[in-house]
Amino acid sequence: LGLENLTMGGVAAKLGVRITVLYG
């Protein structure tokens, strides 16, 4: 995604998971 566009939601969407999963 690149640091400039980095969001928790963006990473979650790219991985196909819910945002809450990332908090693990």
PDB file of all heavy atoms in Angstrom:
ATOM      1  N   LEU A   1       0.820  -1.209   0.000  1.00  0.00           N
ATOM      2  CA  LEU A   1       0.000   0.000   0.000  1.00  0.00           C
ATOM      3  C   LEU A   1       0.857   1.264   0.000  1.00  0.00           C
ATOM      4  O   LEU A   1       0.466   2.287  -0.550  1.00  0.00           O
ATOM      5  CB  LEU A   1      -0.917   0.014   1.229  1.00  0.00           C
ATOM      6  CG  LEU A   1      -2.044  -1.019   1.250  1.00  0.00           C
ATOM      7  CD1 LEU A   1      -2.766  -0.989   2.593  1.00  0.00           C
ATOM      8  CD2 LEU A   1      -3.034  -0.768   0.118  1.00  0.00           C
ATOM      9  N   GLY A   2       2.043   1.178   0.624  1.00  0.00           N
ATOM     10  CA  GLY A   2       2.908   2.350   0.755  1.00  0.00           C
ATOM     11  C   GLY A   2       2.551   3.129   2.004  1.00  0.00           C
ATOM     12  O   GLY A   2       1.383   3.207   2.400  1.00  0.00           O
ATOM     13  N   LEU A   3       3.557   3.696   2.641  1.00  0.00           N
ATOM     14  CA  LEU A   3       3.338   4.382   3.913  1.00  0.00           C
ATOM     15  C   LEU A   3       2.382   5.560   3.797  1.00  0.00           C
ATOM     16  O   LEU A   3       1.626   5.860   4.725  1.00  0.00           O
ATOM     17  CB  LEU A   3       4.680   4.859   4.475  1.00  0.00           C
ATOM     18  CG  LEU A   3       5.596   3.751   5.007  1.00  0.00           C
ATOM     19  CD1 LEU A   3       6.968   4.316   5.320  1.00  0.00           C
ATOM     20  CD2 LEU A   3       5.000   3.116   6.247  1.00  0.00           C
ATOM     21  N   GLU A   4       2.393   6.224   2.662  1.00  0.00           N
ATOM     22  CA  GLU A   4       1.547   7.400   2.492  1.00  0.00           C
ATOM     23  C   GLU A   4       0.073   7.041   2.495  1.00  0.00           C
ATOM     24  O   GLU A   4      -0.780   7.837   2.900  1.00  0.00           O
ATOM     25  CB  GLU A   4       1.917   8.116   1.194  1.00  0.00           C
ATOM     26  CG  GLU A   4       1.327   9.499   1.055  1.00  0.00           C
ATOM     27  CD  GLU A   4       1.907  10.250  -0.143  1.00  0.00           C
ATOM     28  OE1 GLU A   4       3.051  10.721  -0.055  1.00  0.00           O
ATOM     29  OE2 GLU A   4       1.210  10.331  -1.156  1.00  0.00           O
ATOM     30  N   ASN A   5      -0.241   5.833   2.031  1.00  0.00           N
ATOM     31  CA  ASN A   5      -1.634   5.403   1.927  1.00  0.00           C
ATOM     32  C   ASN A   5      -1.994   4.343   2.959  1.00  0.00           C
ATOM     33  O   ASN A   5      -3.045   3.703   2.854  1.00  0.00           O
ATOM     34  CB  ASN A   5      -1.905   4.847   0.522  1.00  0.00           C
ATOM     35  CG  ASN A   5      -1.579   5.845  -0.571  1.00  0.00           C
ATOM     36  OD1 ASN A   5      -2.033   6.973  -0.528  1.00  0.00           O
ATOM     37  ND2 ASN A   5      -0.791   5.434  -1.552  1.00  0.00           N
ATOM     38  N   LEU A   6      -1.146   4.171   3.943  1.00  0.00           N
ATOM     39  CA  LEU A   6      -1.305   3.058   4.872  1.00  0.00           C
ATOM     40  C   LEU A   6      -2.401   3.320   5.901  1.00  0.00           C
ATOM     41  O   LEU A   6      -2.378   4.330   6.607  1.00  0.00           O
ATOM     42  CB  LEU A   6       0.022   2.803   5.590  1.00  0.00           C
ATOM     43  CG  LEU A   6       0.106   1.553   6.465  1.00  0.00           C
ATOM     44  CD1 LEU A   6      -0.141   0.298   5.643  1.00  0.00           C
ATOM     45  CD2 LEU A   6       1.474   1.470   7.130  1.00  0.00           C
ATOM     46  N   THR A   7      -3.360   2.416   5.965  1.00  0.00           N
ATOM     47  CA  THR A   7      -4.398   2.455   6.992  1.00  0.00           C
ATOM     48  C   THR A   7      -4.657   1.029   7.455  1.00  0.00           C
ATOM     49  O   THR A   7      -4.378   0.069   6.722  1.00  0.00           O
ATOM     50  CB  THR A   7      -5.720   3.033   6.459  1.00  0.00           C
ATOM     51  OG1 THR A   7      -6.241   2.177   5.427  1.00  0.00           O
ATOM     52  CG2 THR A   7      -5.528   4.445   5.916  1.00  0.00           C
ATOM     53  N   MET A   8      -5.196   0.898   8.645  1.00  0.00           N
ATOM     54  CA  MET A   8      -5.556  -0.426   9.137  1.00  0.00           C
ATOM     55  C   MET A   8      -6.609  -1.049   8.216  1.00  0.00           C
ATOM     56  O   MET A   8      -6.544  -2.239   7.889  1.00  0.00           O
ATOM     57  CB  MET A   8      -6.092  -0.322  10.562  1.00  0.00           C
ATOM     58  CG  MET A   8      -5.092   0.181  11.582  1.00  0.00           C
ATOM     59  SD  MET A   8      -3.818  -1.036  12.000  1.00  0.00           S
ATOM     60  CE  MET A   8      -4.728  -2.083  13.151  1.00  0.00           C
ATOM     61  N   GLY A   9      -7.573  -0.237   7.787  1.00  0.00           N
ATOM     62  CA  GLY A   9      -8.606  -0.742   6.906  1.00  0.00           C
ATOM     63  C   GLY A   9      -8.071  -1.206   5.567  1.00  0.00           C
ATOM     64  O   GLY A   9      -8.503  -2.229   5.029  1.00  0.00           O
ATOM     65  N   GLY A  10      -7.107  -0.453   5.034  1.00  0.00           N
ATOM     66  CA  GLY A  10      -6.517  -0.834   3.759  1.00  0.00           C
ATOM     67  C   GLY A  10      -5.774  -2.151   3.836  1.00  0.00           C
ATOM     68  O   GLY A  10      -5.879  -3.000   2.937  1.00  0.00           O
ATOM     69  N   VAL A  11      -5.010  -2.337   4.906  1.00  0.00           N
ATOM     70  CA  VAL A  11      -4.274  -3.592   5.092  1.00  0.00           C
ATOM     71  C   VAL A  11      -5.246  -4.749   5.276  1.00  0.00           C
ATOM     72  O   VAL A  11      -5.070  -5.834   4.705  1.00  0.00           O
ATOM     73  CB  VAL A  11      -3.307  -3.488   6.289  1.00  0.00           C
ATOM     74  CG1 VAL A  11      -2.694  -4.848   6.611  1.00  0.00           C
ATOM     75  CG2 VAL A  11      -2.219  -2.468   5.997  1.00  0.00           C
ATOM     76  N   ALA A  12      -6.273  -4.531   6.084  1.00  0.00           N
ATOM     77  CA  ALA A  12      -7.259  -5.583   6.309  1.00  0.00           C
ATOM     78  C   ALA A  12      -7.932  -5.996   5.005  1.00  0.00           C
ATOM     79  O   ALA A  12      -8.111  -7.191   4.721  1.00  0.00           O
ATOM     80  CB  ALA A  12      -8.302  -5.109   7.321  1.00  0.00           C
ATOM     81  N   ALA A  13      -8.301  -4.992   4.191  1.00  0.00           N
ATOM     82  CA  ALA A  13      -8.949  -5.293   2.915  1.00  0.00           C
ATOM     83  C   ALA A  13      -8.021  -6.062   1.993  1.00  0.00           C
ATOM     84  O   ALA A  13      -8.447  -7.003   1.296  1.00  0.00           O
ATOM     85  CB  ALA A  13      -9.409  -3.989   2.256  1.00  0.00           C
ATOM     86  N   LYS A  14      -6.746  -5.674   1.974  1.00  0.00           N
ATOM     87  CA  LYS A  14      -5.785  -6.356   1.105  1.00  0.00           C
ATOM     88  C   LYS A  14      -5.586  -7.807   1.523  1.00  0.00           C
ATOM     89  O   LYS A  14      -5.368  -8.685   0.682  1.00  0.00           O
ATOM     90  CB  LYS A  14      -4.448  -5.614   1.118  1.00  0.00           C
ATOM     91  CG  LYS A  14      -3.488  -6.086   0.025  1.00  0.00           C
ATOM     92  CD  LYS A  14      -2.441  -5.055  -0.242  1.00  0.00           C
ATOM     93  CE  LYS A  14      -1.608  -5.424  -1.459  1.00  0.00           C
ATOM     94  NZ  LYS A  14      -2.398  -5.392  -2.720  1.00  0.00           N
ATOM     95  N   LEU A  15      -5.670  -8.052   2.815  1.00  0.00           N
ATOM     96  CA  LEU A  15      -5.492  -9.411   3.332  1.00  0.00           C
ATOM     97  C   LEU A  15      -6.803 -10.197   3.362  1.00  0.00           C
ATOM     98  O   LEU A  15      -6.800 -11.403   3.621  1.00  0.00           O
ATOM     99  CB  LEU A  15      -4.900  -9.360   4.735  1.00  0.00           C
ATOM    100  CG  LEU A  15      -3.468  -8.834   4.833  1.00  0.00           C
ATOM    101  CD1 LEU A  15      -3.078  -8.620   6.288  1.00  0.00           C
ATOM    102  CD2 LEU A  15      -2.488  -9.798   4.166  1.00  0.00           C
ATOM    103  N   GLY A  16      -7.920  -9.503   3.142  1.00  0.00           N
ATOM    104  CA  GLY A  16      -9.212 -10.174   3.162  1.00  0.00           C
ATOM    105  C   GLY A  16      -9.667 -10.575   4.549  1.00  0.00           C
ATOM    106  O   GLY A  16     -10.315 -11.620   4.716  1.00  0.00           O
ATOM    107  N   VAL A  17      -9.348  -9.744   5.543  1.00  0.00           N
ATOM    108  CA  VAL A  17      -9.742 -10.040   6.925  1.00  0.00           C
ATOM    109  C   VAL A  17     -10.407  -8.800   7.521  1.00  0.00           C
ATOM    110  O   VAL A  17     -10.367  -7.708   6.952  1.00  0.00           O
ATOM    111  CB  VAL A  17      -8.521 -10.436   7.793  1.00  0.00           C
ATOM    112  CG1 VAL A  17      -7.834 -11.674   7.218  1.00  0.00           C
ATOM    113  CG2 VAL A  17      -7.520  -9.278   7.901  1.00  0.00           C
ATOM    114  N   ARG A  18     -11.005  -8.967   8.684  1.00  0.00           N
ATOM    115  CA  ARG A  18     -11.574  -7.837   9.404  1.00  0.00           C
ATOM    116  C   ARG A  18     -10.463  -7.037  10.084  1.00  0.00           C
ATOM    117  O   ARG A  18      -9.425  -7.594  10.445  1.00  0.00           O
ATOM    118  CB  ARG A  18     -12.570  -8.331  10.450  1.00  0.00           C
ATOM    119  CG  ARG A  18     -13.817  -8.991   9.869  1.00  0.00           C
ATOM    120  CD  ARG A  18     -14.729  -9.466  10.986  1.00  0.00           C
ATOM    121  NE  ARG A  18     -15.922 -10.102  10.472  1.00  0.00           N
ATOM    122  CZ  ARG A  18     -17.038  -9.454  10.121  1.00  0.00           C
ATOM    123  NH1 ARG A  18     -17.085  -8.136  10.274  1.00  0.00           N
ATOM    124  NH2 ARG A  18     -18.080 -10.111   9.650  1.00  0.00           N
ATOM    125  N   ILE A  19     -10.719  -5.758  10.277  1.00  0.00           N
ATOM    126  CA  ILE A  19      -9.731  -4.905  10.943  1.00  0.00           C
ATOM    127  C   ILE A  19      -9.378  -5.451  12.314  1.00  0.00           C
ATOM    128  O   ILE A  19      -8.218  -5.409  12.735  1.00  0.00           O
ATOM    129  CB  ILE A  19     -10.249  -3.456  11.056  1.00  0.00           C
ATOM    130  CG1 ILE A  19     -10.330  -2.805   9.676  1.00  0.00           C
ATOM    131  CG2 ILE A  19      -9.322  -2.626  11.955  1.00  0.00           C
ATOM    132  CD1 ILE A  19     -10.849  -1.374   9.709  1.00  0.00           C
ATOM    133  N   THR A  20     -10.367  -5.985  13.018  1.00  0.00           N
ATOM    134  CA  THR A  20     -10.116  -6.489  14.368  1.00  0.00           C
ATOM    135  C   THR A  20      -9.063  -7.584  14.392  1.00  0.00           C
ATOM    136  O   THR A  20      -8.358  -7.756  15.394  1.00  0.00           O
ATOM    137  CB  THR A  20     -11.423  -7.008  14.992  1.00  0.00           C
ATOM    138  OG1 THR A  20     -12.024  -7.965  14.099  1.00  0.00           O
ATOM    139  CG2 THR A  20     -12.397  -5.867  15.250  1.00  0.00           C
ATOM    140  N   VAL A  21      -8.932  -8.317  13.295  1.00  0.00           N
ATOM    141  CA  VAL A  21      -7.934  -9.388  13.225  1.00  0.00           C
ATOM    142  C   VAL A  21      -6.521  -8.803  13.323  1.00  0.00           C
ATOM    143  O   VAL A  21      -5.626  -9.401  13.922  1.00  0.00           O
ATOM    144  CB  VAL A  21      -8.089 -10.198  11.920  1.00  0.00           C
ATOM    145  CG1 VAL A  21      -6.943 -11.204  11.766  1.00  0.00           C
ATOM    146  CG2 VAL A  21      -9.435 -10.911  11.898  1.00  0.00           C
ATOM    147  N   LEU A  22      -6.328  -7.626  12.746  1.00  0.00           N
ATOM    148  CA  LEU A  22      -4.992  -7.019  12.734  1.00  0.00           C
ATOM    149  C   LEU A  22      -4.501  -6.688  14.134  1.00  0.00           C
ATOM    150  O   LEU A  22      -3.287  -6.647  14.380  1.00  0.00           O
ATOM    151  CB  LEU A  22      -4.985  -5.749  11.880  1.00  0.00           C
ATOM    152  CG  LEU A  22      -5.274  -5.924  10.382  1.00  0.00           C
ATOM    153  CD1 LEU A  22      -5.175  -4.580   9.676  1.00  0.00           C
ATOM    154  CD2 LEU A  22      -4.334  -6.934   9.757  1.00  0.00           C
ATOM    155  N   TYR A  23      -5.428  -6.426  15.043  1.00  0.00           N
ATOM    156  CA  TYR A  23      -5.021  -6.065  16.400  1.00  0.00           C
ATOM    157  C   TYR A  23      -4.386  -7.229  17.152  1.00  0.00           C
ATOM    158  O   TYR A  23      -3.831  -7.041  18.236  1.00  0.00           O
ATOM    159  CB  TYR A  23      -6.210  -5.495  17.174  1.00  0.00           C
ATOM    160  CG  TYR A  23      -6.601  -4.119  16.686  1.00  0.00           C
ATOM    161  CD1 TYR A  23      -7.732  -3.937  15.900  1.00  0.00           C
ATOM    162  CD2 TYR A  23      -5.818  -3.010  16.991  1.00  0.00           C
ATOM    163  CE1 TYR A  23      -8.080  -2.678  15.432  1.00  0.00           C
ATOM    164  CE2 TYR A  23      -6.162  -1.748  16.521  1.00  0.00           C
ATOM    165  CZ  TYR A  23      -7.287  -1.586  15.743  1.00  0.00           C
ATOM    166  OH  TYR A  23      -7.618  -0.338  15.276  1.00  0.00           O
ATOM    167  N   GLY A  24      -4.433  -8.385  16.572  1.00  0.00           N
ATOM    168  CA  GLY A  24      -3.696  -9.511  17.127  1.00  0.00           C
ATOM    169  C   GLY A  24      -2.226  -9.480  16.742  1.00  0.00           C
ATOM    170  O   GLY A  24      -1.428 -10.260  17.258  1.00  0.00           O
TER     171      GLY A  24
END
